[in-house]
Full PDB file with SEQRES, HELIX, SHEET, SSBOND, CRYST1, ORIGX, SCALE, CONECT and MASTER records, all heavy atoms in Angstrom:
SEQRES   1 A   44  VAL LYS GLY ARG PHE THR ILE THR ARG ASP ASN ALA LYS          
SEQRES   2 A   44  ASN SER VAL TYR LEU GLN MET ASP ASN LEU LYS PRO GLU          
SEQRES   3 A   44  ASP THR ALA VAL TYR TYR CYS ALA SER GLY ASN SER GLY          
SEQRES   4 A   44  THR TYR TYR TYR GLU                                          
HELIX    1 AA1 ASN A   11  LYS A   13  5                                   3    
HELIX    2 AA2 PRO A   25  ASP A   27  5                                   3    
SHEET    1 AA1 2 PHE A   5  ASP A  10  0                                        
SHEET    2 AA1 2 SER A  15  MET A  20 -1                                        
CRYST1    1.000    1.000    1.000  90.00  90.00  90.00 P 1           1          
ORIGX1      1.000000  0.000000  0.000000        0.00000                         
ORIGX2      0.000000  1.000000  0.000000        0.00000                         
ORIGX3      0.000000  0.000000  1.000000        0.00000                         
SCALE1      1.000000  0.000000  0.000000        0.00000                         
SCALE2      0.000000  1.000000  0.000000        0.00000                         
SCALE3      0.000000  0.000000  1.000000        0.00000                         
ATOM      1  N   VAL A   1      94.742  68.717  93.936  1.00  0.00           N  
ATOM      2  CA  VAL A   1      96.059  69.252  94.266  1.00  0.00           C  
ATOM      3  C   VAL A   1      96.271  69.445  95.761  1.00  0.00           C  
ATOM      4  O   VAL A   1      97.389  69.742  96.193  1.00  0.00           O  
ATOM      5  CB  VAL A   1      96.324  70.589  93.546  1.00  0.00           C  
ATOM      6  CG1 VAL A   1      96.122  70.440  92.047  1.00  0.00           C  
ATOM      7  CG2 VAL A   1      95.434  71.692  94.106  1.00  0.00           C  
ATOM      8  N   LYS A   2      95.237  69.271  96.540  1.00  0.00           N  
ATOM      9  CA  LYS A   2      95.323  69.483  97.978  1.00  0.00           C  
ATOM     10  C   LYS A   2      96.385  68.578  98.587  1.00  0.00           C  
ATOM     11  O   LYS A   2      96.424  67.383  98.334  1.00  0.00           O  
ATOM     12  CB  LYS A   2      93.970  69.240  98.631  1.00  0.00           C  
ATOM     13  CG  LYS A   2      93.887  69.722 100.067  1.00  0.00           C  
ATOM     14  CD  LYS A   2      92.467  69.608 100.603  1.00  0.00           C  
ATOM     15  CE  LYS A   2      92.355  70.177 102.001  1.00  0.00           C  
ATOM     16  NZ  LYS A   2      90.962  70.101 102.515  1.00  0.00           N  
ATOM     17  N   GLY A   3      97.233  69.180  99.403  1.00  0.00           N  
ATOM     18  CA  GLY A   3      98.317  68.440 100.021  1.00  0.00           C  
ATOM     19  C   GLY A   3      99.596  68.463  99.226  1.00  0.00           C  
ATOM     20  O   GLY A   3     100.663  68.108  99.746  1.00  0.00           O  
ATOM     21  N   ARG A   4      99.519  68.870  97.970  1.00  0.00           N  
ATOM     22  CA  ARG A   4     100.688  68.941  97.107  1.00  0.00           C  
ATOM     23  C   ARG A   4     101.031  70.369  96.700  1.00  0.00           C  
ATOM     24  O   ARG A   4     102.203  70.696  96.538  1.00  0.00           O  
ATOM     25  CB  ARG A   4     100.477  68.105  95.843  1.00  0.00           C  
ATOM     26  CG  ARG A   4     100.251  66.626  96.112  1.00  0.00           C  
ATOM     27  CD  ARG A   4     100.248  65.830  94.812  1.00  0.00           C  
ATOM     28  NE  ARG A   4      99.171  66.236  93.918  1.00  0.00           N  
ATOM     29  CZ  ARG A   4      99.353  66.725  92.696  1.00  0.00           C  
ATOM     30  NH1 ARG A   4     100.592  66.871  92.215  1.00  0.00           N  
ATOM     31  NH2 ARG A   4      98.319  67.057  91.945  1.00  0.00           N  
ATOM     32  N   PHE A   5     100.021  71.191  96.526  1.00  0.00           N  
ATOM     33  CA  PHE A   5     100.212  72.581  96.100  1.00  0.00           C  
ATOM     34  C   PHE A   5      99.952  73.525  97.260  1.00  0.00           C  
ATOM     35  O   PHE A   5      99.089  73.268  98.105  1.00  0.00           O  
ATOM     36  CB  PHE A   5      99.259  72.938  94.953  1.00  0.00           C  
ATOM     37  CG  PHE A   5      99.565  72.262  93.647  1.00  0.00           C  
ATOM     38  CD1 PHE A   5     100.491  71.235  93.557  1.00  0.00           C  
ATOM     39  CD2 PHE A   5      98.911  72.671  92.492  1.00  0.00           C  
ATOM     40  CE1 PHE A   5     100.763  70.613  92.350  1.00  0.00           C  
ATOM     41  CE2 PHE A   5      99.170  72.064  91.281  1.00  0.00           C  
ATOM     42  CZ  PHE A   5     100.094  71.040  91.203  1.00  0.00           C  
ATOM     43  N   THR A   6     100.676  74.632  97.289  1.00  0.00           N  
ATOM     44  CA  THR A   6     100.506  75.632  98.325  1.00  0.00           C  
ATOM     45  C   THR A   6     100.509  77.027  97.708  1.00  0.00           C  
ATOM     46  O   THR A   6     101.418  77.370  96.952  1.00  0.00           O  
ATOM     47  CB  THR A   6     101.623  75.553  99.373  1.00  0.00           C  
ATOM     48  OG1 THR A   6     101.682  74.234  99.927  1.00  0.00           O  
ATOM     49  CG2 THR A   6     101.354  76.545 100.506  1.00  0.00           C  
ATOM     50  N   ILE A   7      99.499  77.810  98.030  1.00  0.00           N  
ATOM     51  CA  ILE A   7      99.414  79.185  97.549  1.00  0.00           C  
ATOM     52  C   ILE A   7      99.831  80.140  98.657  1.00  0.00           C  
ATOM     53  O   ILE A   7      99.383  80.014  99.799  1.00  0.00           O  
ATOM     54  CB  ILE A   7      97.992  79.533  97.081  1.00  0.00           C  
ATOM     55  CG1 ILE A   7      97.586  78.646  95.899  1.00  0.00           C  
ATOM     56  CG2 ILE A   7      97.892  81.010  96.690  1.00  0.00           C  
ATOM     57  CD1 ILE A   7      96.155  78.861  95.447  1.00  0.00           C  
ATOM     58  N   THR A   8     100.674  81.084  98.313  1.00  0.00           N  
ATOM     59  CA  THR A   8     101.071  82.135  99.241  1.00  0.00           C  
ATOM     60  C   THR A   8     101.001  83.472  98.519  1.00  0.00           C  
ATOM     61  O   THR A   8     100.861  83.517  97.296  1.00  0.00           O  
ATOM     62  CB  THR A   8     102.493  81.918  99.783  1.00  0.00           C  
ATOM     63  OG1 THR A   8     103.421  81.837  98.696  1.00  0.00           O  
ATOM     64  CG2 THR A   8     102.566  80.636 100.597  1.00  0.00           C  
ATOM     65  N   ARG A   9     101.082  84.545  99.275  1.00  0.00           N  
ATOM     66  CA  ARG A   9     101.090  85.862  98.644  1.00  0.00           C  
ATOM     67  C   ARG A   9     101.987  86.811  99.415  1.00  0.00           C  
ATOM     68  O   ARG A   9     102.255  86.625 100.598  1.00  0.00           O  
ATOM     69  CB  ARG A   9      99.669  86.421  98.502  1.00  0.00           C  
ATOM     70  CG  ARG A   9      99.164  87.327  99.639  1.00  0.00           C  
ATOM     71  CD  ARG A   9      98.906  86.570 100.894  1.00  0.00           C  
ATOM     72  NE  ARG A   9      98.040  87.309 101.818  1.00  0.00           N  
ATOM     73  CZ  ARG A   9      98.128  87.218 103.137  1.00  0.00           C  
ATOM     74  NH1 ARG A   9      99.031  86.402 103.695  1.00  0.00           N  
ATOM     75  NH2 ARG A   9      97.290  87.912 103.900  1.00  0.00           N  
ATOM     76  N   ASP A  10     102.443  87.830  98.723  1.00  0.00           N  
ATOM     77  CA  ASP A  10     103.223  88.903  99.302  1.00  0.00           C  
ATOM     78  C   ASP A  10     102.476  90.186  98.977  1.00  0.00           C  
ATOM     79  O   ASP A  10     102.573  90.697  97.867  1.00  0.00           O  
ATOM     80  CB  ASP A  10     104.644  88.927  98.731  1.00  0.00           C  
ATOM     81  CG  ASP A  10     105.546  89.911  99.448  1.00  0.00           C  
ATOM     82  OD1 ASP A  10     105.045  90.930  99.960  1.00  0.00           O  
ATOM     83  OD2 ASP A  10     106.765  89.663  99.492  1.00  0.00           O  
ATOM     84  N   ASN A  11     101.724  90.685  99.935  1.00  0.00           N  
ATOM     85  CA  ASN A  11     100.889  91.855  99.701  1.00  0.00           C  
ATOM     86  C   ASN A  11     101.705  93.078  99.279  1.00  0.00           C  
ATOM     87  O   ASN A  11     101.284  93.843  98.415  1.00  0.00           O  
ATOM     88  CB  ASN A  11     100.086  92.195 100.954  1.00  0.00           C  
ATOM     89  CG  ASN A  11      99.181  91.063 101.394  1.00  0.00           C  
ATOM     90  OD1 ASN A  11      99.647  89.968 101.712  1.00  0.00           O  
ATOM     91  ND2 ASN A  11      97.884  91.323 101.433  1.00  0.00           N  
ATOM     92  N   ALA A  12     102.861  93.256  99.892  1.00  0.00           N  
ATOM     93  CA  ALA A  12     103.691  94.412  99.584  1.00  0.00           C  
ATOM     94  C   ALA A  12     104.196  94.385  98.145  1.00  0.00           C  
ATOM     95  O   ALA A  12     104.417  95.429  97.536  1.00  0.00           O  
ATOM     96  CB  ALA A  12     104.868  94.496 100.547  1.00  0.00           C  
ATOM     97  N   LYS A  13     104.373  93.197  97.606  1.00  0.00           N  
ATOM     98  CA  LYS A  13     104.881  93.054  96.245  1.00  0.00           C  
ATOM     99  C   LYS A  13     103.780  92.792  95.229  1.00  0.00           C  
ATOM    100  O   LYS A  13     104.062  92.600  94.047  1.00  0.00           O  
ATOM    101  CB  LYS A  13     105.909  91.928  96.188  1.00  0.00           C  
ATOM    102  CG  LYS A  13     107.160  92.194  97.000  1.00  0.00           C  
ATOM    103  CD  LYS A  13     108.153  91.055  96.868  1.00  0.00           C  
ATOM    104  CE  LYS A  13     109.419  91.338  97.656  1.00  0.00           C  
ATOM    105  NZ  LYS A  13     110.400  90.229  97.545  1.00  0.00           N  
ATOM    106  N   ASN A  14     102.537  92.766  95.707  1.00  0.00           N  
ATOM    107  CA  ASN A  14     101.398  92.481  94.824  1.00  0.00           C  
ATOM    108  C   ASN A  14     101.628  91.202  94.028  1.00  0.00           C  
ATOM    109  O   ASN A  14     101.394  91.147  92.815  1.00  0.00           O  
ATOM    110  CB  ASN A  14     101.131  93.655  93.879  1.00  0.00           C  
ATOM    111  CG  ASN A  14     100.589  94.868  94.599  1.00  0.00           C  
ATOM    112  OD1 ASN A  14     100.002  94.766  95.678  1.00  0.00           O  
ATOM    113  ND2 ASN A  14     100.767  96.043  94.004  1.00  0.00           N  
ATOM    114  N   SER A  15     102.094  90.197  94.735  1.00  0.00           N  
ATOM    115  CA  SER A  15     102.427  88.941  94.077  1.00  0.00           C  
ATOM    116  C   SER A  15     101.788  87.758  94.780  1.00  0.00           C  
ATOM    117  O   SER A  15     101.577  87.774  95.989  1.00  0.00           O  
ATOM    118  CB  SER A  15     103.943  88.737  94.032  1.00  0.00           C  
ATOM    119  OG  SER A  15     104.575  89.751  93.277  1.00  0.00           O  
ATOM    120  N   VAL A  16     101.508  86.744  94.011  1.00  0.00           N  
ATOM    121  CA  VAL A  16     100.982  85.496  94.541  1.00  0.00           C  
ATOM    122  C   VAL A  16     101.810  84.364  93.951  1.00  0.00           C  
ATOM    123  O   VAL A  16     102.303  84.464  92.824  1.00  0.00           O  
ATOM    124  CB  VAL A  16      99.478  85.329  94.218  1.00  0.00           C  
ATOM    125  CG1 VAL A  16      99.250  85.234  92.711  1.00  0.00           C  
ATOM    126  CG2 VAL A  16      98.911  84.117  94.935  1.00  0.00           C  
ATOM    127  N   TYR A  17     101.960  83.295  94.724  1.00  0.00           N  
ATOM    128  CA  TYR A  17     102.827  82.204  94.320  1.00  0.00           C  
ATOM    129  C   TYR A  17     102.092  80.876  94.427  1.00  0.00           C  
ATOM    130  O   TYR A  17     101.195  80.705  95.247  1.00  0.00           O  
ATOM    131  CB  TYR A  17     104.077  82.165  95.196  1.00  0.00           C  
ATOM    132  CG  TYR A  17     104.773  83.497  95.291  1.00  0.00           C  
ATOM    133  CD1 TYR A  17     104.487  84.374  96.334  1.00  0.00           C  
ATOM    134  CD2 TYR A  17     105.698  83.891  94.329  1.00  0.00           C  
ATOM    135  CE1 TYR A  17     105.114  85.604  96.418  1.00  0.00           C  
ATOM    136  CE2 TYR A  17     106.322  85.117  94.401  1.00  0.00           C  
ATOM    137  CZ  TYR A  17     106.035  85.972  95.445  1.00  0.00           C  
ATOM    138  OH  TYR A  17     106.656  87.195  95.520  1.00  0.00           O  
ATOM    139  N   LEU A  18     102.511  79.949  93.611  1.00  0.00           N  
ATOM    140  CA  LEU A  18     101.969  78.598  93.657  1.00  0.00           C  
ATOM    141  C   LEU A  18     103.139  77.631  93.748  1.00  0.00           C  
ATOM    142  O   LEU A  18     103.859  77.431  92.774  1.00  0.00           O  
ATOM    143  CB  LEU A  18     101.128  78.295  92.418  1.00  0.00           C  
ATOM    144  CG  LEU A  18     100.505  76.894  92.372  1.00  0.00           C  
ATOM    145  CD1 LEU A  18      99.471  76.736  93.484  1.00  0.00           C  
ATOM    146  CD2 LEU A  18      99.862  76.636  91.010  1.00  0.00           C  
ATOM    147  N   GLN A  19     103.325  77.074  94.929  1.00  0.00           N  
ATOM    148  CA  GLN A  19     104.356  76.070  95.135  1.00  0.00           C  
ATOM    149  C   GLN A  19     103.763  74.714  94.824  1.00  0.00           C  
ATOM    150  O   GLN A  19     102.786  74.301  95.445  1.00  0.00           O  
ATOM    151  CB  GLN A  19     104.865  76.104  96.579  1.00  0.00           C  
ATOM    152  CG  GLN A  19     105.899  75.037  96.908  1.00  0.00           C  
ATOM    153  CD  GLN A  19     107.204  75.237  96.171  1.00  0.00           C  
ATOM    154  OE1 GLN A  19     107.692  76.361  96.061  1.00  0.00           O  
ATOM    155  NE2 GLN A  19     107.774  74.154  95.657  1.00  0.00           N  
ATOM    156  N   MET A  20     104.339  74.023  93.868  1.00  0.00           N  
ATOM    157  CA  MET A  20     103.839  72.732  93.434  1.00  0.00           C  
ATOM    158  C   MET A  20     104.864  71.660  93.772  1.00  0.00           C  
ATOM    159  O   MET A  20     105.984  71.679  93.268  1.00  0.00           O  
ATOM    160  CB  MET A  20     103.549  72.743  91.933  1.00  0.00           C  
ATOM    161  CG  MET A  20     102.578  73.840  91.511  1.00  0.00           C  
ATOM    162  SD  MET A  20     102.178  73.784  89.739  1.00  0.00           S  
ATOM    163  CE  MET A  20     103.765  74.265  89.055  1.00  0.00           C  
ATOM    164  N   ASP A  21     104.465  70.743  94.625  1.00  0.00           N  
ATOM    165  CA  ASP A  21     105.333  69.646  95.036  1.00  0.00           C  
ATOM    166  C   ASP A  21     104.736  68.319  94.604  1.00  0.00           C  
ATOM    167  O   ASP A  21     103.533  68.211  94.367  1.00  0.00           O  
ATOM    168  CB  ASP A  21     105.518  69.653  96.555  1.00  0.00           C  
ATOM    169  CG  ASP A  21     106.209  70.888  97.074  1.00  0.00           C  
ATOM    170  OD1 ASP A  21     107.165  71.357  96.425  1.00  0.00           O  
ATOM    171  OD2 ASP A  21     105.796  71.396  98.143  1.00  0.00           O  
ATOM    172  N   ASN A  22     105.590  67.314  94.519  1.00  0.00           N  
ATOM    173  CA  ASN A  22     105.159  65.980  94.107  1.00  0.00           C  
ATOM    174  C   ASN A  22     104.316  66.039  92.836  1.00  0.00           C  
ATOM    175  O   ASN A  22     103.214  65.501  92.763  1.00  0.00           O  
ATOM    176  CB  ASN A  22     104.374  65.310  95.235  1.00  0.00           C  
ATOM    177  CG  ASN A  22     104.126  63.835  94.987  1.00  0.00           C  
ATOM    178  OD1 ASN A  22     104.864  63.182  94.251  1.00  0.00           O  
ATOM    179  ND2 ASN A  22     103.070  63.305  95.592  1.00  0.00           N  
ATOM    180  N   LEU A  23     104.857  66.694  91.845  1.00  0.00           N  
ATOM    181  CA  LEU A  23     104.133  66.877  90.593  1.00  0.00           C  
ATOM    182  C   LEU A  23     103.881  65.559  89.881  1.00  0.00           C  
ATOM    183  O   LEU A  23     104.692  64.634  89.940  1.00  0.00           O  
ATOM    184  CB  LEU A  23     104.900  67.823  89.680  1.00  0.00           C  
ATOM    185  CG  LEU A  23     104.785  69.302  90.064  1.00  0.00           C  
ATOM    186  CD1 LEU A  23     105.896  70.115  89.431  1.00  0.00           C  
ATOM    187  CD2 LEU A  23     103.420  69.838  89.653  1.00  0.00           C  
ATOM    188  N   LYS A  24     102.746  65.505  89.215  1.00  0.00           N  
ATOM    189  CA  LYS A  24     102.333  64.334  88.468  1.00  0.00           C  
ATOM    190  C   LYS A  24     102.135  64.705  87.001  1.00  0.00           C  
ATOM    191  O   LYS A  24     101.873  65.870  86.692  1.00  0.00           O  
ATOM    192  CB  LYS A  24     101.023  63.779  89.033  1.00  0.00           C  
ATOM    193  CG  LYS A  24     101.074  63.429  90.512  1.00  0.00           C  
ATOM    194  CD  LYS A  24      99.711  62.997  91.011  1.00  0.00           C  
ATOM    195  CE  LYS A  24      99.753  62.653  92.490  1.00  0.00           C  
ATOM    196  NZ  LYS A  24      98.424  62.232  92.993  1.00  0.00           N  
ATOM    197  N   PRO A  25     102.240  63.743  86.101  1.00  0.00           N  
ATOM    198  CA  PRO A  25     102.024  64.053  84.685  1.00  0.00           C  
ATOM    199  C   PRO A  25     100.675  64.719  84.418  1.00  0.00           C  
ATOM    200  O   PRO A  25     100.574  65.566  83.525  1.00  0.00           O  
ATOM    201  CB  PRO A  25     102.104  62.674  84.012  1.00  0.00           C  
ATOM    202  CG  PRO A  25     103.047  61.917  84.877  1.00  0.00           C  
ATOM    203  CD  PRO A  25     102.712  62.356  86.283  1.00  0.00           C  
ATOM    204  N   GLU A  26      99.654  64.378  85.181  1.00  0.00           N  
ATOM    205  CA  GLU A  26      98.349  64.977  84.998  1.00  0.00           C  
ATOM    206  C   GLU A  26      98.284  66.436  85.425  1.00  0.00           C  
ATOM    207  O   GLU A  26      97.274  67.107  85.205  1.00  0.00           O  
ATOM    208  CB  GLU A  26      97.258  64.174  85.735  1.00  0.00           C  
ATOM    209  CG  GLU A  26      97.602  63.856  87.179  1.00  0.00           C  
ATOM    210  CD  GLU A  26      98.192  62.466  87.346  1.00  0.00           C  
ATOM    211  OE1 GLU A  26      99.060  62.077  86.550  1.00  0.00           O  
ATOM    212  OE2 GLU A  26      97.769  61.754  88.281  1.00  0.00           O  
ATOM    213  N   ASP A  27      99.349  66.935  86.031  1.00  0.00           N  
ATOM    214  CA  ASP A  27      99.430  68.350  86.363  1.00  0.00           C  
ATOM    215  C   ASP A  27      99.865  69.186  85.169  1.00  0.00           C  
ATOM    216  O   ASP A  27      99.850  70.416  85.242  1.00  0.00           O  
ATOM    217  CB  ASP A  27     100.409  68.587  87.517  1.00  0.00           C  
ATOM    218  CG  ASP A  27      99.932  67.973  88.825  1.00  0.00           C  
ATOM    219  OD1 ASP A  27      98.727  68.068  89.127  1.00  0.00           O  
ATOM    220  OD2 ASP A  27     100.775  67.412  89.552  1.00  0.00           O  
ATOM    221  N   THR A  28     100.263  68.535  84.101  1.00  0.00           N  
ATOM    222  CA  THR A  28     100.695  69.239  82.903  1.00  0.00           C  
ATOM    223  C   THR A  28      99.567  70.103  82.359  1.00  0.00           C  
ATOM    224  O   THR A  28      98.475  69.621  82.082  1.00  0.00           O  
ATOM    225  CB  THR A  28     101.153  68.250  81.825  1.00  0.00           C  
ATOM    226  OG1 THR A  28     102.313  67.547  82.288  1.00  0.00           O  
ATOM    227  CG2 THR A  28     101.500  68.982  80.533  1.00  0.00           C  
ATOM    228  N   ALA A  29      99.836  71.385  82.226  1.00  0.00           N  
ATOM    229  CA  ALA A  29      98.822  72.333  81.770  1.00  0.00           C  
ATOM    230  C   ALA A  29      99.437  73.720  81.674  1.00  0.00           C  
ATOM    231  O   ALA A  29     100.555  73.953  82.124  1.00  0.00           O  
ATOM    232  CB  ALA A  29      97.634  72.363  82.740  1.00  0.00           C  
ATOM    233  N   VAL A  30      98.676  74.617  81.093  1.00  0.00           N  
ATOM    234  CA  VAL A  30      99.016  76.032  81.168  1.00  0.00           C  
ATOM    235  C   VAL A  30      98.368  76.567  82.430  1.00  0.00           C  
ATOM    236  O   VAL A  30      97.161  76.403  82.638  1.00  0.00           O  
ATOM    237  CB  VAL A  30      98.517  76.817  79.941  1.00  0.00           C  
ATOM    238  CG1 VAL A  30      98.811  78.308  80.110  1.00  0.00           C  
ATOM    239  CG2 VAL A  30      99.181  76.289  78.674  1.00  0.00           C  
ATOM    240  N   TYR A  31      99.148  77.195  83.272  1.00  0.00           N  
ATOM    241  CA  TYR A  31      98.654  77.712  84.537  1.00  0.00           C  
ATOM    242  C   TYR A  31      98.428  79.213  84.446  1.00  0.00           C  
ATOM    243  O   TYR A  31      99.292  79.958  83.982  1.00  0.00           O  
ATOM    244  CB  TYR A  31      99.640  77.398  85.656  1.00  0.00           C  
ATOM    245  CG  TYR A  31      99.572  75.959  86.101  1.00  0.00           C  
ATOM    246  CD1 TYR A  31     100.035  74.941  85.278  1.00  0.00           C  
ATOM    247  CD2 TYR A  31      99.020  75.615  87.332  1.00  0.00           C  
ATOM    248  CE1 TYR A  31      99.951  73.619  85.664  1.00  0.00           C  
ATOM    249  CE2 TYR A  31      98.937  74.297  87.729  1.00  0.00           C  
ATOM    250  CZ  TYR A  31      99.402  73.299  86.898  1.00  0.00           C  
ATOM    251  OH  TYR A  31      99.321  71.985  87.303  1.00  0.00           O  
ATOM    252  N   TYR A  32      97.261  79.639  84.905  1.00  0.00           N  
ATOM    253  CA  TYR A  32      96.862  81.037  84.834  1.00  0.00           C  
ATOM    254  C   TYR A  32      96.635  81.620  86.221  1.00  0.00           C  
ATOM    255  O   TYR A  32      96.051  80.979  87.090  1.00  0.00           O  
ATOM    256  CB  TYR A  32      95.567  81.197  84.040  1.00  0.00           C  
ATOM    257  CG  TYR A  32      95.656  80.763  82.595  1.00  0.00           C  
ATOM    258  CD1 TYR A  32      95.344  79.460  82.221  1.00  0.00           C  
ATOM    259  CD2 TYR A  32      96.041  81.664  81.613  1.00  0.00           C  
ATOM    260  CE1 TYR A  32      95.421  79.058  80.901  1.00  0.00           C  
ATOM    261  CE2 TYR A  32      96.115  81.273  80.288  1.00  0.00           C  
ATOM    262  CZ  TYR A  32      95.804  79.969  79.934  1.00  0.00           C  
ATOM    263  OH  TYR A  32      95.872  79.576  78.620  1.00  0.00           O  
ATOM    264  N   CYS A  33      97.068  82.833  86.391  1.00  0.00           N  
ATOM    265  CA  CYS A  33      96.799  83.600  87.599  1.00  0.00           C  
ATOM    266  C   CYS A  33      95.594  84.494  87.338  1.00  0.00           C  
ATOM    267  O   CYS A  33      95.431  85.023  86.235  1.00  0.00           O  
ATOM    268  CB  CYS A  33      98.026  84.442  87.950  1.00  0.00           C  
ATOM    269  SG  CYS A  33      97.811  85.549  89.362  1.00  0.00           S  
ATOM    270  N   ALA A  34      94.738  84.655  88.334  1.00  0.00           N  
ATOM    271  CA  ALA A  34      93.543  85.474  88.174  1.00  0.00           C  
ATOM    272  C   ALA A  34      93.279  86.292  89.426  1.00  0.00           C  
ATOM    273  O   ALA A  34      93.644  85.893  90.533  1.00  0.00           O  
ATOM    274  CB  ALA A  34      92.333  84.590  87.864  1.00  0.00           C  
ATOM    275  N   SER A  35      92.614  87.423  89.236  1.00  0.00           N  
ATOM    276  CA  SER A  35      92.281  88.322  90.333  1.00  0.00           C  
ATOM    277  C   SER A  35      90.812  88.714  90.268  1.00  0.00           C  
ATOM    278  O   SER A  35      90.299  89.037  89.201  1.00  0.00           O  
ATOM    279  CB  SER A  35      93.150  89.581  90.275  1.00  0.00           C  
ATOM    280  OG  SER A  35      92.761  90.523  91.262  1.00  0.00           O  
ATOM    281  N   GLY A  36      90.148  88.699  91.422  1.00  0.00           N  
ATOM    282  CA  GLY A  36      88.750  89.077  91.497  1.00  0.00           C  
ATOM    283  C   GLY A  36      88.455  89.870  92.752  1.00  0.00           C  
ATOM    284  O   GLY A  36      89.192  89.796  93.737  1.00  0.00           O  
ATOM    285  N   ASN A  37      87.367  90.610  92.722  1.00  0.00           N  
ATOM    286  CA  ASN A  37      87.001  91.475  93.841  1.00  0.00           C  
ATOM    287  C   ASN A  37      85.834  90.938  94.655  1.00  0.00           C  
ATOM    288  O   ASN A  37      85.193  91.682  95.384  1.00  0.00           O  
ATOM    289  CB  ASN A  37      86.680  92.881  93.331  1.00  0.00           C  
ATOM    290  CG  ASN A  37      87.905  93.599  92.818  1.00  0.00           C  
ATOM    291  OD1 ASN A  37      88.988  93.457  93.381  1.00  0.00           O  
ATOM    292  ND2 ASN A  37      87.741  94.370  91.751  1.00  0.00           N  
ATOM    293  N   SER A  38      85.588  89.668  94.557  1.00  0.00           N  
ATOM    294  CA  SER A  38      84.513  89.042  95.306  1.00  0.00           C  
ATOM    295  C   SER A  38      85.014  87.780  95.982  1.00  0.00           C  
ATOM    296  O   SER A  38      85.950  87.135  95.510  1.00  0.00           O  
ATOM    297  CB  SER A  38      83.337  88.704  94.389  1.00  0.00           C  
ATOM    298  OG  SER A  38      82.343  87.981  95.102  1.00  0.00           O  
ATOM    299  N   GLY A  39      84.384  87.450  97.096  1.00  0.00           N  
ATOM    300  CA  GLY A  39      84.735  86.231  97.796  1.00  0.00           C  
ATOM    301  C   GLY A  39      83.781  85.093  97.511  1.00  0.00           C  
ATOM    302  O   GLY A  39      83.961  83.983  97.999  1.00  0.00           O  
ATOM    303  N   THR A  40      82.782  85.360  96.699  1.00  0.00           N  
ATOM    304  CA  THR A  40      81.775  84.375  96.356  1.00  0.00           C  
ATOM    305  C   THR A  40      82.211  83.540  95.164  1.00  0.00           C  
ATOM    306  O   THR A  40      82.722  84.071  94.178  1.00  0.00           O  
ATOM    307  CB  THR A  40      80.438  85.059  96.032  1.00  0.00           C  
ATOM    308  OG1 THR A  40      80.067  85.905  97.122  1.00  0.00           O  
ATOM    309  CG2 THR A  40      79.347  84.031  95.806  1.00  0.00           C  
ATOM    310  N   TYR A  41      82.011  82.261  95.249  1.00  0.00           N  
ATOM    311  CA  TYR A  41      82.339  81.331  94.168  1.00  0.00           C  
ATOM    312  C   TYR A  41      83.776  81.508  93.676  1.00  0.00           C  
ATOM    313  O   TYR A  41      84.034  81.703  92.482  1.00  0.00           O  
ATOM    314  CB  TYR A  41      81.352  81.484  93.015  1.00  0.00           C  
ATOM    315  CG  TYR A  41      79.917  81.233  93.422  1.00  0.00           C  
ATOM    316  CD1 TYR A  41      78.970  82.249  93.381  1.00  0.00           C  
ATOM    317  CD2 TYR A  41      79.521  79.973  93.861  1.00  0.00           C  
ATOM    318  CE1 TYR A  41      77.661  82.007  93.777  1.00  0.00           C  
ATOM    319  CE2 TYR A  41      78.211  79.732  94.253  1.00  0.00           C  
ATOM    320  CZ  TYR A  41      77.291  80.744  94.204  1.00  0.00           C  
ATOM    321  OH  TYR A  41      75.990  80.499  94.589  1.00  0.00           O  
ATOM    322  N   TYR A  42      84.687  81.428  94.588  1.00  0.00           N  
ATOM    323  CA  TYR A  42      86.102  81.624  94.294  1.00  0.00           C  
ATOM    324  C   TYR A  42      86.650  80.582  93.336  1.00  0.00           C  
ATOM    325  O   TYR A  42      87.705  80.773  92.731  1.00  0.00           O  
ATOM    326  CB  TYR A  42      86.924  81.608  95.588  1.00  0.00           C  
ATOM    327  CG  TYR A  42      86.734  80.340  96.391  1.00  0.00           C  
ATOM    328  CD1 TYR A  42      87.489  79.209  96.127  1.00  0.00           C  
ATOM    329  CD2 TYR A  42      85.792  80.284  97.415  1.00  0.00           C  
ATOM    330  CE1 TYR A  42      87.306  78.049  96.858  1.00  0.00           C  
ATOM    331  CE2 TYR A  42      85.603  79.129  98.148  1.00  0.00           C  
ATOM    332  CZ  TYR A  42      86.364  78.011  97.862  1.00  0.00           C  
ATOM    333  OH  TYR A  42      86.183  76.854  98.591  1.00  0.00           O  
ATOM    334  N   TYR A  43      85.958  79.464  93.212  1.00  0.00           N  
ATOM    335  CA  TYR A  43      86.395  78.368  92.360  1.00  0.00           C  
ATOM    336  C   TYR A  43      85.851  78.462  90.940  1.00  0.00           C  
ATOM    337  O   TYR A  43      86.107  77.573  90.122  1.00  0.00           O  
ATOM    338  CB  TYR A  43      85.979  77.024  92.971  1.00  0.00           C  
ATOM    339  CG  TYR A  43      84.530  76.979  93.402  1.00  0.00           C  
ATOM    340  CD1 TYR A  43      83.529  76.638  92.504  1.00  0.00           C  
ATOM    341  CD2 TYR A  43      84.175  77.299  94.712  1.00  0.00           C  
ATOM    342  CE1 TYR A  43      82.202  76.613  92.899  1.00  0.00           C  
ATOM    343  CE2 TYR A  43      82.853  77.275  95.120  1.00  0.00           C  
ATOM    344  CZ  TYR A  43      81.869  76.936  94.206  1.00  0.00           C  
ATOM    345  OH  TYR A  43      80.560  76.908  94.605  1.00  0.00           O  
ATOM    346  N   GLU A  44      85.116  79.534  90.643  1.00  0.00           N  
ATOM    347  CA  GLU A  44      84.522  79.718  89.325  1.00  0.00           C  
ATOM    348  C   GLU A  44      85.262  80.796  88.548  1.00  0.00           C  
ATOM    349  O   GLU A  44      85.454  81.908  89.028  1.00  0.00           O  
ATOM    350  CB  GLU A  44      83.046  80.090  89.443  1.00  0.00           C  
ATOM    351  CG  GLU A  44      82.176  79.001  90.064  1.00  0.00           C  
ATOM    352  CD  GLU A  44      81.961  77.825  89.130  1.00  0.00           C  
ATOM    353  OE1 GLU A  44      82.275  77.948  87.934  1.00  0.00           O  
ATOM    354  OE2 GLU A  44      81.479  76.775  89.595  1.00  0.00           O  
TER     355      GLU A  44                                                      
MASTER        0    0    0    2    2    0    0    6  354    1    0    4          
END                                                                             
């Protein structure tokens, strides 16, 4: 998704956003938001 998707956040609103551009059929999925208290293995 690199180059097509952009993540931003609004700390005051406790919100995070996922801007998805140039979408492809393979992007079809259920998308989940997650929160963690560690910076290790952020991709897991």
